[in-house]
């Protein structure tokens, strides 16, 4: 019986070392995903801001309907024409 205790202790020590390495790898990967998520959120916000600037005035809600604050006008368009 006394011989089995050190053998089992060695097995447990090896398992502890293996699990500690796995835990370290999992934490590192989690940090990488956190960084990637923050970058994607920032890029998405930039893209949305650029799209708002590029595509003209934003629509707002009026009485539950989306309405342009200032209708789009293109060059050569009749000033009395209504937006589609």
C-alpha atoms as a PDB file:
ATOM      1  CA  UNK A   1       0.000   0.000   0.000  1.00  0.00           C
ATOM      2  CA  UNK A   2       2.817   2.446   0.807  1.00  0.00           C
ATOM      3  CA  UNK A   3       4.303   1.994  -2.674  1.00  0.00           C
ATOM      4  CA  UNK A   4       1.090   3.119  -4.342  1.00  0.00           C
ATOM      5  CA  UNK A   5       0.974   6.492  -2.567  1.00  0.00           C
ATOM      6  CA  UNK A   6       4.141   7.973  -4.158  1.00  0.00           C
ATOM      7  CA  UNK A   7       3.141   6.585  -7.570  1.00  0.00           C
ATOM      8  CA  UNK A   8      -0.292   8.152  -7.314  1.00  0.00           C
ATOM      9  CA  UNK A   9       1.259  11.409  -6.072  1.00  0.00           C
ATOM     10  CA  UNK A  10       3.518  11.466  -9.168  1.00  0.00           C
ATOM     11  CA  UNK A  11       0.479  10.900 -11.420  1.00  0.00           C
ATOM     12  CA  UNK A  12      -1.384  13.751  -9.733  1.00  0.00           C
ATOM     13  CA  UNK A  13       1.620  16.080 -10.006  1.00  0.00           C
ATOM     14  CA  UNK A  14       1.902  15.318 -13.727  1.00  0.00           C
ATOM     15  CA  UNK A  15      -1.828  15.900 -14.219  1.00  0.00           C
ATOM     16  CA  UNK A  16      -1.608  19.188 -12.300  1.00  0.00           C
ATOM     17  CA  UNK A  17       1.251  20.390 -14.511  1.00  0.00           C
ATOM     18  CA  UNK A  18      -0.603  19.398 -17.700  1.00  0.00           C
ATOM     19  CA  UNK A  19      -3.801  21.113 -16.562  1.00  0.00           C
ATOM     20  CA  UNK A  20      -1.912  24.271 -15.541  1.00  0.00           C
ATOM     21  CA  UNK A  21      -0.443  24.472 -19.060  1.00  0.00           C
ATOM     22  CA  UNK A  22      -3.876  23.944 -20.618  1.00  0.00           C
ATOM     23  CA  UNK A  23      -5.381  26.619 -18.378  1.00  0.00           C
ATOM     24  CA  UNK A  24      -2.638  29.054 -19.376  1.00  0.00           C
ATOM     25  CA  UNK A  25      -3.295  28.358 -23.066  1.00  0.00           C
ATOM     26  CA  UNK A  26      -7.056  28.811 -22.618  1.00  0.00           C
ATOM     27  CA  UNK A  27      -6.572  32.120 -20.806  1.00  0.00           C
ATOM     28  CA  UNK A  28      -4.181  33.371 -23.496  1.00  0.00           C
ATOM     29  CA  UNK A  29      -6.663  32.460 -26.228  1.00  0.00           C
ATOM     30  CA  UNK A  30      -9.444  34.186 -24.276  1.00  0.00           C
ATOM     31  CA  UNK A  31      -7.357  37.361 -24.091  1.00  0.00           C
ATOM     32  CA  UNK A  32      -6.723  37.189 -27.847  1.00  0.00           C
ATOM     33  CA  UNK A  33     -10.452  36.894 -28.528  1.00  0.00           C
ATOM     34  CA  UNK A  34     -11.111  39.835 -26.219  1.00  0.00           C
ATOM     35  CA  UNK A  35      -8.616  41.959 -28.158  1.00  0.00           C
ATOM     36  CA  UNK A  36     -10.062  40.856 -31.484  1.00  0.00           C
ATOM     37  CA  UNK A  37     -13.575  41.662 -30.287  1.00  0.00           C
ATOM     38  CA  UNK A  38     -12.547  45.185 -29.220  1.00  0.00           C
ATOM     39  CA  UNK A  39     -10.856  45.786 -32.580  1.00  0.00           C
ATOM     40  CA  UNK A  40     -13.924  44.594 -34.495  1.00  0.00           C
ATOM     41  CA  UNK A  41     -16.216  46.800 -32.415  1.00  0.00           C
ATOM     42  CA  UNK A  42     -13.982  49.807 -33.116  1.00  0.00           C
ATOM     43  CA  UNK A  43     -13.805  49.026 -36.851  1.00  0.00           C
ATOM     44  CA  UNK A  44     -17.556  48.542 -37.037  1.00  0.00           C
ATOM     45  CA  UNK A  45     -18.113  51.924 -35.365  1.00  0.00           C
ATOM     46  CA  UNK A  46     -15.723  53.562 -37.852  1.00  0.00           C
ATOM     47  CA  UNK A  47     -17.460  51.927 -40.807  1.00  0.00           C
ATOM     48  CA  UNK A  48     -20.870  53.042 -39.545  1.00  0.00           C
ATOM     49  CA  UNK A  49     -19.620  56.601 -38.994  1.00  0.00           C
ATOM     50  CA  UNK A  50     -18.112  56.711 -42.484  1.00  0.00           C
ATOM     51  CA  UNK A  51     -21.317  55.300 -43.974  1.00  0.00           C
ATOM     52  CA  UNK A  52     -23.350  58.013 -42.228  1.00  0.00           C
ATOM     53  CA  UNK A  53     -21.052  60.680 -43.692  1.00  0.00           C
ATOM     54  CA  UNK A  54     -20.989  59.056 -47.134  1.00  0.00           C
ATOM     55  CA  UNK A  55     -24.664  58.357 -47.587  1.00  0.00           C
ATOM     56  CA  UNK A  56     -26.007  61.685 -46.453  1.00  0.00           C
ATOM     57  CA  UNK A  57     -28.436  62.612 -43.750  1.00  0.00           C
ATOM     58  CA  UNK A  58     -29.637  59.997 -41.347  1.00  0.00           C
ATOM     59  CA  UNK A  59     -33.264  59.025 -41.004  1.00  0.00           C
ATOM     60  CA  UNK A  60     -35.039  59.799 -37.747  1.00  0.00           C
ATOM     61  CA  UNK A  61     -38.210  58.436 -36.241  1.00  0.00           C
ATOM     62  CA  UNK A  62     -41.269  60.693 -36.540  1.00  0.00           C
ATOM     63  CA  UNK A  63     -44.579  59.261 -35.424  1.00  0.00           C
ATOM     64  CA  UNK A  64     -43.055  55.795 -35.712  1.00  0.00           C
ATOM     65  CA  UNK A  65     -41.895  56.285 -39.311  1.00  0.00           C
ATOM     66  CA  UNK A  66     -38.351  56.754 -40.615  1.00  0.00           C
ATOM     67  CA  UNK A  67     -38.083  60.234 -42.125  1.00  0.00           C
ATOM     68  CA  UNK A  68     -35.058  61.957 -43.672  1.00  0.00           C
ATOM     69  CA  UNK A  69     -34.309  65.248 -41.993  1.00  0.00           C
ATOM     70  CA  UNK A  70     -33.013  66.675 -45.281  1.00  0.00           C
ATOM     71  CA  UNK A  71     -33.912  64.773 -48.463  1.00  0.00           C
ATOM     72  CA  UNK A  72     -31.108  63.584 -50.720  1.00  0.00           C
ATOM     73  CA  UNK A  73     -30.367  65.773 -53.723  1.00  0.00           C
ATOM     74  CA  UNK A  74     -28.233  64.729 -56.647  1.00  0.00           C
ATOM     75  CA  UNK A  75     -26.593  67.011 -59.190  1.00  0.00           C
ATOM     76  CA  UNK A  76     -28.855  67.791 -62.093  1.00  0.00           C
ATOM     77  CA  UNK A  77     -31.937  66.900 -60.099  1.00  0.00           C
ATOM     78  CA  UNK A  78     -34.948  69.207 -60.311  1.00  0.00           C
ATOM     79  CA  UNK A  79     -35.259  71.217 -57.093  1.00  0.00           C
ATOM     80  CA  UNK A  80     -38.964  70.385 -56.865  1.00  0.00           C
ATOM     81  CA  UNK A  81     -38.470  66.639 -57.231  1.00  0.00           C
ATOM     82  CA  UNK A  82     -39.346  64.552 -54.219  1.00  0.00           C
ATOM     83  CA  UNK A  83     -37.006  61.820 -52.999  1.00  0.00           C
ATOM     84  CA  UNK A  84     -38.035  58.272 -53.769  1.00  0.00           C
END
